[in-house]
């Protein structure tokens, strides 16, 4: 079985491009040109140079000695939190801004939940001198105020989404509306491995720098390229897709995805798409989606602003359905405890999104000799208020 996208934009049963006719020219232009652009030597050179000199890659692969001792296995952390802007999101936005320039677009729109993708998009727009509009749910604007300030400092216009749950899915709806109204000059930088084909594949390819580096760094440290397991948190799933990419077709590497169970999978306040989702269409692709029996999208919930999405990227829906990926759902409480544990054991305060991945030890027992690589997708500065309130610090 293949875990790569096929020529029609599907991963198994999931993916495709379900879009209004008005968007067809934009999406088709991107689909017909993205691989050709990404394979141009001049593109690769500029992309790699910016990742090195601007983002600060390669990000370290860090052996977490005390965490390893605590859980009786060998844990490495892929330190995406050390990238410029503090998360993995910048890998993709640099790639997409270069694609947008090649396509002659001079206006960029984006959606953001936790604000990290918004910051990363505003950052590359400032770098390239291109107009930037970021849509963000009104609730997320309140709970991620430092990131909103960053976006504004970087020259972006932040527009609140005031409909629905006023979170990520609503911000995405607003961004798509904008794109329909401004099809000629605008490129939509989607921040996750979601959306109509070719977005899930394009975003995954830009993020695959993560697994590429893991292989070479592990070879250097352990004399082998492949870990026993790679672990990542999943909302839409771009950090996870990038962490898994070079291991997808190697059955010796276990793939573990950790979702947000919120207040409990069956509490009615959750974002555990693999457990609760059924096949449906959201934001231009067919995937697993939390929905009512008559097909209305269920409001997701997570303490983490980056994981409260009602669906999951089509690549992950395929990994789940095919059994290639092991999926776990972690509650707010367990994620917060795992974040505090990493802070106290290793002196690293993780984003709450990443804390979900770190909570995998509650559900999965590893062997002492296993090499487990966890994607530390972002740093915890943006979440300090949430940590403070949760633990009464």
Protein backbone atom coordinates (compact mmCIF):
# COMPACT_ATOMS: atom_id res chain seq x y z
CA UNK A 1 0.00 0.00 0.00
CA UNK A 2 1.24 3.49 -0.81
CA UNK A 3 1.12 6.27 1.76
CA UNK A 4 2.04 8.97 -0.77
CA UNK A 5 -0.52 11.09 -2.59
CA UNK A 6 -1.68 9.77 -5.99
CA UNK A 7 -1.99 11.81 -9.19
CA UNK A 8 -5.63 12.67 -8.39
CA UNK A 9 -4.68 14.08 -5.00
CA UNK A 10 -5.86 11.16 -2.87
CA UNK A 11 -4.28 9.24 0.00
CA UNK A 12 -6.29 6.01 -0.20
CA UNK A 13 -9.92 7.14 0.15
CA UNK A 14 -9.07 10.63 1.39
CA UNK A 15 -8.08 13.94 -0.21
CA UNK A 16 -9.12 15.36 -3.57
CA UNK A 17 -10.19 18.91 -4.35
CA UNK A 18 -13.80 19.73 -3.46
CA UNK A 19 -13.95 23.41 -4.30
CA UNK A 20 -16.39 26.01 -5.62
CA UNK A 21 -16.03 26.72 -9.33
CA UNK A 22 -14.76 30.23 -8.55
CA UNK A 23 -11.63 28.73 -6.96
CA UNK A 24 -10.91 26.21 -9.68
CA UNK A 25 -8.47 28.42 -11.66
CA UNK A 26 -6.39 29.22 -8.52
CA UNK A 27 -6.19 25.65 -7.31
CA UNK A 28 -5.58 24.27 -10.81
CA UNK A 29 -2.77 26.79 -11.42
CA UNK A 30 -1.13 25.66 -8.18
CA UNK A 31 -1.68 21.96 -8.88
CA UNK A 32 -0.20 22.16 -12.36
CA UNK A 33 2.89 24.09 -11.28
CA UNK A 34 3.84 23.35 -7.67
CA UNK A 35 6.09 20.33 -8.32
CA UNK A 36 7.78 21.95 -11.30
CA UNK A 37 8.49 25.10 -9.21
CA UNK A 38 9.69 23.10 -6.18
CA UNK A 39 12.10 21.12 -8.36
CA UNK A 40 13.75 24.16 -9.97
CA UNK A 41 17.40 24.38 -8.81
CA UNK A 42 17.04 28.13 -8.10
CA UNK A 43 13.96 27.48 -5.93
CA UNK A 44 15.70 24.71 -3.97
CA UNK A 45 18.75 26.89 -3.45
CA UNK A 46 16.76 29.86 -2.11
CA UNK A 47 14.52 27.64 0.04
CA UNK A 48 17.48 25.80 1.61
CA UNK A 49 19.47 28.99 2.12
CA UNK A 50 16.53 30.63 3.98
CA UNK A 51 15.95 27.51 6.08
CA UNK A 52 19.62 27.59 7.08
CA UNK A 53 20.34 31.30 7.54
CA UNK A 54 16.91 32.69 8.45
CA UNK A 55 15.10 29.83 10.22
CA UNK A 56 18.23 28.37 11.85
CA UNK A 57 17.99 24.82 10.51
CA UNK A 58 18.86 22.08 11.02
CA UNK A 59 16.94 22.09 14.30
CA UNK A 60 18.71 19.92 16.91
CA UNK A 61 17.79 16.31 17.63
CA UNK A 62 18.19 16.30 21.40
CA UNK A 63 18.58 13.19 23.56
CA UNK A 64 16.32 13.85 26.56
CA UNK A 65 18.31 11.99 29.23
CA UNK A 66 16.11 12.58 32.28
CA UNK A 67 12.86 12.06 30.35
CA UNK A 68 14.32 8.82 28.98
CA UNK A 69 15.19 7.62 32.47
CA UNK A 70 11.72 8.48 33.76
CA UNK A 71 9.97 6.47 31.02
CA UNK A 72 12.61 3.73 30.67
CA UNK A 73 13.21 4.16 26.94
CA UNK A 74 15.43 6.31 24.70
CA UNK A 75 13.69 9.59 23.87
CA UNK A 76 14.93 12.10 21.34
CA UNK A 77 13.20 15.45 20.84
CA UNK A 78 13.20 17.05 17.39
CA UNK A 79 13.53 20.68 18.45
CA UNK A 80 11.21 22.55 16.05
CA UNK A 81 10.60 24.93 18.98
CA UNK A 82 14.06 26.39 18.29
CA UNK A 83 13.18 27.58 14.78
CA UNK A 84 12.79 31.30 14.13
CA UNK A 85 9.20 32.18 15.21
CA UNK A 86 9.17 29.25 17.65
CA UNK A 87 7.51 26.42 15.72
CA UNK A 88 7.58 24.18 12.65
CA UNK A 89 5.17 26.47 10.77
CA UNK A 90 7.95 28.62 9.26
CA UNK A 91 9.24 25.71 7.10
CA UNK A 92 6.01 25.71 5.13
CA UNK A 93 5.45 29.48 4.95
CA UNK A 94 8.91 30.05 3.48
CA UNK A 95 8.23 27.40 0.86
CA UNK A 96 4.81 28.79 0.00
CA UNK A 97 5.88 32.44 -0.18
CA UNK A 98 8.53 31.43 -2.72
CA UNK A 99 5.88 29.53 -4.72
CA UNK A 100 3.56 32.58 -4.54
CA UNK A 101 6.33 34.81 -5.89
CA UNK A 102 6.94 32.42 -8.80
CA UNK A 103 3.21 32.55 -9.56
CA UNK A 104 3.28 36.36 -9.55
CA UNK A 105 1.00 36.83 -6.52
CA UNK A 106 1.43 40.01 -4.48
CA UNK A 107 -1.15 39.53 -1.73
CA UNK A 108 -1.10 36.74 0.87
CA UNK A 109 -3.93 35.48 3.07
CA UNK A 110 -3.73 32.90 5.84
CA UNK A 111 -5.77 31.38 8.63
CA UNK A 112 -4.42 30.70 12.10
CA UNK A 113 -5.56 29.00 15.32
CA UNK A 114 -2.79 29.14 17.90
CA UNK A 115 -1.30 32.06 16.02
CA UNK A 116 1.98 30.32 15.15
CA UNK A 117 1.06 29.91 11.49
CA UNK A 118 -0.16 33.53 11.40
CA UNK A 119 3.15 34.71 12.86
CA UNK A 120 5.11 32.55 10.42
CA UNK A 121 3.11 33.90 7.47
CA UNK A 122 3.42 37.52 8.64
CA UNK A 123 7.16 36.92 9.08
CA UNK A 124 7.78 35.73 5.52
CA UNK A 125 5.53 38.46 4.08
CA UNK A 126 7.62 41.06 5.94
CA UNK A 127 10.77 39.35 4.64
CA UNK A 128 9.52 39.53 1.04
CA UNK A 129 7.66 42.87 1.27
CA UNK A 130 4.26 41.35 0.40
CA UNK A 131 0.85 42.38 1.80
CA UNK A 132 -0.45 39.96 4.46
CA UNK A 133 -3.97 39.39 5.82
CA UNK A 134 -4.47 36.82 8.60
CA UNK A 135 -7.87 35.48 9.63
CA UNK A 136 -8.14 34.34 13.23
CA UNK A 137 -11.08 33.25 15.39
CA UNK A 138 -12.22 35.89 17.87
CA UNK A 139 -11.74 33.45 20.78
CA UNK A 140 -8.23 32.53 19.61
CA UNK A 141 -7.35 36.24 19.33
CA UNK A 142 -8.12 36.57 23.05
CA UNK A 143 -6.26 33.44 24.18
CA UNK A 144 -3.20 34.00 21.96
CA UNK A 145 -2.71 37.76 22.47
CA UNK A 146 1.12 37.71 22.26
CA UNK A 147 0.98 36.13 18.80
CA UNK A 148 -1.58 38.68 17.63
CA UNK A 149 0.78 41.45 18.75
CA UNK A 150 3.63 39.79 16.86
CA UNK A 151 1.60 39.62 13.64
CA UNK A 152 0.71 43.29 13.90
CA UNK A 153 4.33 44.25 14.57
CA UNK A 154 5.30 42.35 11.45
CA UNK A 155 2.87 44.45 9.42
CA UNK A 156 0.02 41.96 8.99
CA UNK A 157 -3.65 42.86 9.21
CA UNK A 158 -5.43 40.49 11.62
CA UNK A 159 -9.14 40.05 10.89
CA UNK A 160 -11.31 38.34 13.55
CA UNK A 161 -13.66 35.51 12.52
CA UNK A 162 -16.86 36.12 14.48
CA UNK A 163 -19.03 33.25 13.21
CA UNK A 164 -19.55 29.72 14.55
CA UNK A 165 -17.19 28.71 17.34
CA UNK A 166 -14.94 31.73 16.51
CA UNK A 167 -11.91 29.43 16.26
CA UNK A 168 -9.73 27.84 13.57
CA UNK A 169 -12.40 26.33 11.32
CA UNK A 170 -14.23 29.68 11.16
CA UNK A 171 -11.00 31.54 10.39
CA UNK A 172 -10.43 29.05 7.55
CA UNK A 173 -13.96 29.68 6.21
CA UNK A 174 -13.28 33.44 6.14
CA UNK A 175 -9.93 32.98 4.38
CA UNK A 176 -11.57 30.83 1.68
CA UNK A 177 -14.26 33.52 1.17
CA UNK A 178 -11.54 36.14 0.74
CA UNK A 179 -9.75 33.96 -1.82
CA UNK A 180 -12.95 33.51 -3.84
CA UNK A 181 -13.33 37.32 -3.92
CA UNK A 182 -9.68 37.98 -4.84
CA UNK A 183 -8.68 35.16 -7.16
CA UNK A 184 -6.13 36.90 -9.39
CA UNK A 185 -3.54 38.57 -7.13
CA UNK A 186 -3.90 36.45 -3.95
CA UNK A 187 -2.20 33.27 -2.76
CA UNK A 188 -3.68 31.47 0.23
CA UNK A 189 -0.96 30.04 2.49
CA UNK A 190 -2.69 27.14 4.23
CA UNK A 191 -0.85 26.26 7.42
CA UNK A 192 -1.78 22.62 7.80
CA UNK A 193 -1.77 19.39 5.77
CA UNK A 194 -5.39 20.07 4.88
CA UNK A 195 -7.33 21.74 2.07
CA UNK A 196 -7.85 20.90 -1.60
CA UNK A 197 -5.11 19.05 -3.48
CA UNK A 198 -2.27 20.04 -3.91
CA UNK A 199 -2.13 21.71 -0.46
CA UNK A 200 -1.80 18.60 1.76
CA UNK A 201 1.02 17.28 -0.43
CA UNK A 202 2.74 20.65 -0.87
CA UNK A 203 2.66 21.43 2.87
CA UNK A 204 3.88 17.92 3.70
CA UNK A 205 6.79 18.22 1.26
CA UNK A 206 7.89 21.54 2.77
CA UNK A 207 7.64 20.05 6.28
CA UNK A 208 9.45 16.85 5.27
CA UNK A 209 12.71 18.65 6.07
CA UNK A 210 11.90 17.47 9.64
CA UNK A 211 12.10 13.73 8.89
CA UNK A 212 14.99 14.27 6.48
CA UNK A 213 17.02 15.82 9.29
CA UNK A 214 15.92 13.18 11.82
CA UNK A 215 17.40 10.47 9.58
CA UNK A 216 20.80 12.12 9.14
CA UNK A 217 21.00 13.27 12.79
CA UNK A 218 20.05 9.84 14.14
CA UNK A 219 22.65 8.25 11.88
CA UNK A 220 25.25 10.55 13.40
CA UNK A 221 24.16 9.86 17.00
CA UNK A 222 23.13 6.20 16.89
CA UNK A 223 24.64 4.82 13.68
CA UNK A 224 21.18 4.19 12.21
CA UNK A 225 18.78 6.34 10.19
CA UNK A 226 15.50 4.89 11.42
CA UNK A 227 14.04 5.24 14.92
CA UNK A 228 11.67 2.60 16.27
CA UNK A 229 8.89 5.16 16.62
CA UNK A 230 8.13 8.72 15.52
CA UNK A 231 5.54 10.58 17.59
CA UNK A 232 3.73 13.86 16.83
CA UNK A 233 0.63 15.73 17.90
CA UNK A 234 -2.12 16.13 15.32
CA UNK A 235 -4.62 18.90 14.66
CA UNK A 236 -4.66 19.35 10.90
CA UNK A 237 -1.32 17.62 11.02
CA UNK A 238 1.51 19.46 9.26
CA UNK A 239 4.21 18.86 11.90
CA UNK A 240 3.15 15.21 12.03
CA UNK A 241 3.17 14.82 8.24
CA UNK A 242 6.69 16.29 8.11
CA UNK A 243 7.88 14.08 10.97
CA UNK A 244 6.53 10.90 9.34
CA UNK A 245 7.30 11.64 5.68
CA UNK A 246 10.58 9.78 5.15
CA UNK A 247 9.40 6.83 7.27
CA UNK A 248 5.95 6.29 5.74
CA UNK A 249 6.94 3.34 3.54
CA UNK A 250 9.22 1.73 6.13
CA UNK A 251 7.16 -0.72 8.22
CA UNK A 252 9.98 -0.99 10.79
CA UNK A 253 9.26 2.57 11.97
CA UNK A 254 6.14 2.87 14.10
CA UNK A 255 4.05 5.99 13.42
CA UNK A 256 2.22 7.44 16.41
CA UNK A 257 -0.29 10.29 16.23
CA UNK A 258 -1.61 12.02 19.35
CA UNK A 259 -4.87 13.95 19.19
CA UNK A 260 -6.62 16.24 21.63
CA UNK A 261 -9.30 14.45 23.65
CA UNK A 262 -10.17 17.74 25.39
CA UNK A 263 -12.28 16.94 28.45
CA UNK A 264 -12.60 13.30 27.35
CA UNK A 265 -13.29 11.58 24.03
CA UNK A 266 -17.00 11.15 24.79
CA UNK A 267 -17.45 14.32 26.87
CA UNK A 268 -18.89 16.37 23.99
CA UNK A 269 -15.85 18.64 24.38
CA UNK A 270 -13.14 16.98 22.34
CA UNK A 271 -11.16 17.12 19.11
CA UNK A 272 -10.37 13.39 18.83
CA UNK A 273 -11.13 13.07 15.13
CA UNK A 274 -9.93 9.48 14.68
CA UNK A 275 -12.27 8.27 17.44
CA UNK A 276 -15.23 10.51 16.67
CA UNK A 277 -14.87 11.30 12.97
CA UNK A 278 -16.73 9.96 9.96
CA UNK A 279 -15.88 10.50 6.31
CA UNK A 280 -16.92 13.94 5.12
CA UNK A 281 -15.79 17.04 3.26
CA UNK A 282 -14.22 20.06 4.96
CA UNK A 283 -12.21 22.95 3.54
CA UNK A 284 -11.84 21.37 0.12
CA UNK A 285 -10.91 17.76 0.90
CA UNK A 286 -12.51 14.47 1.86
CA UNK A 287 -11.29 13.31 5.25
CA UNK A 288 -12.35 12.15 8.70
CA UNK A 289 -14.53 14.80 10.25
CA UNK A 290 -16.42 15.19 13.52
CA UNK A 291 -20.06 15.64 12.50
CA UNK A 292 -23.64 15.12 13.60
CA UNK A 293 -25.70 12.25 12.09
CA UNK A 294 -27.12 14.70 9.52
CA UNK A 295 -23.66 15.92 8.48
CA UNK A 296 -23.33 19.19 10.40
CA UNK A 297 -19.79 19.82 11.63
CA UNK A 298 -19.43 19.29 15.39
CA UNK A 299 -17.69 22.06 17.33
CA UNK A 300 -14.29 20.77 18.45
CA UNK A 301 -12.71 21.64 21.78
CA UNK A 302 -9.16 21.51 23.13
CA UNK A 303 -7.24 23.54 25.68
CA UNK A 304 -4.72 23.91 22.85
CA UNK A 305 -5.68 26.50 20.24
CA UNK A 306 -3.70 24.61 17.58
CA UNK A 307 -5.50 21.28 17.98
CA UNK A 308 -9.19 22.24 18.15
CA UNK A 309 -9.95 21.38 14.53
CA UNK A 310 -12.93 19.14 13.71
CA UNK A 311 -11.09 17.22 10.98
CA UNK A 312 -7.62 15.90 10.24
CA UNK A 313 -5.43 16.05 7.13
CA UNK A 314 -6.24 13.38 4.52
CA UNK A 315 -2.80 11.78 4.88
CA UNK A 316 -3.56 11.11 8.55
CA UNK A 317 -7.08 9.86 7.82
CA UNK A 318 -5.42 7.34 5.50
CA UNK A 319 -2.78 6.37 8.10
CA UNK A 320 -5.60 5.77 10.59
CA UNK A 321 -7.92 3.81 8.30
CA UNK A 322 -5.11 1.69 6.86
CA UNK A 323 -3.74 0.90 10.32
CA UNK A 324 -0.29 2.28 9.43
CA UNK A 325 -0.53 4.86 12.23
CA UNK A 326 -1.32 4.27 15.91
CA UNK A 327 -3.66 7.00 17.15
CA UNK A 328 -4.03 8.06 20.77
CA UNK A 329 -6.28 10.70 22.29
CA UNK A 330 -4.97 12.73 25.22
CA UNK A 331 -7.04 14.87 27.60
CA UNK A 332 -6.29 18.49 28.47
CA UNK A 333 -5.20 17.41 31.95
CA UNK A 334 -2.75 14.76 30.78
CA UNK A 335 -1.27 17.05 28.14
CA UNK A 336 -0.74 19.86 30.66
CA UNK A 337 0.95 17.45 33.10
CA UNK A 338 3.25 16.20 30.33
CA UNK A 339 4.19 19.80 29.47
CA UNK A 340 5.03 20.52 33.10
CA UNK A 341 7.01 17.28 33.34
CA UNK A 342 9.21 18.21 30.35
CA UNK A 343 9.75 21.68 31.81
CA UNK A 344 10.94 20.25 35.14
CA UNK A 345 12.95 17.31 33.76
CA UNK A 346 14.65 18.94 30.76
CA UNK A 347 14.33 22.70 31.19
CA UNK A 348 12.21 22.99 28.02
CA UNK A 349 8.73 24.54 28.17
CA UNK A 350 6.77 23.07 25.24
CA UNK A 351 3.77 24.42 23.39
CA UNK A 352 0.58 22.76 24.64
CA UNK A 353 0.20 21.17 21.19
CA UNK A 354 3.57 19.42 21.67
CA UNK A 355 2.62 18.49 25.24
CA UNK A 356 -0.07 16.22 23.80
CA UNK A 357 2.62 14.23 21.97
CA UNK A 358 4.68 14.04 25.17
CA UNK A 359 1.69 12.50 26.98
CA UNK A 360 1.99 9.39 24.78
CA UNK A 361 3.81 7.63 27.65
CA UNK A 362 0.49 7.30 29.51
CA UNK A 363 -0.91 5.11 26.74
CA UNK A 364 2.05 3.41 25.08
CA UNK A 365 4.77 1.40 26.78
CA UNK A 366 8.08 1.39 24.91
CA UNK A 367 10.95 -1.06 25.34
CA UNK A 368 14.11 0.18 27.10
CA UNK A 369 16.11 -0.22 23.87
CA UNK A 370 13.55 1.58 21.65
CA UNK A 371 14.53 4.85 20.04
CA UNK A 372 11.51 7.16 20.20
CA UNK A 373 11.65 10.50 18.37
CA UNK A 374 9.04 13.04 19.44
CA UNK A 375 8.38 16.16 17.40
CA UNK A 376 8.59 19.13 19.75
CA UNK A 377 6.56 21.20 17.31
CA UNK A 378 6.60 24.52 19.16
CA UNK A 379 7.70 26.39 22.27
CA UNK A 380 5.49 27.28 25.20
CA UNK A 381 5.89 31.07 25.42
CA UNK A 382 2.52 31.60 23.71
CA UNK A 383 0.81 29.29 26.23
CA UNK A 384 2.21 30.63 29.51
CA UNK A 385 -1.13 32.17 30.55
CA UNK A 386 -2.87 28.82 29.99
CA UNK A 387 -0.20 26.98 31.99
CA UNK A 388 -0.38 29.60 34.77
CA UNK A 389 -4.17 29.36 35.03
CA UNK A 390 -4.21 25.57 34.83
CA UNK A 391 -1.59 24.94 37.51
CA UNK A 392 -2.31 28.12 39.54
CA UNK A 393 1.38 29.00 39.18
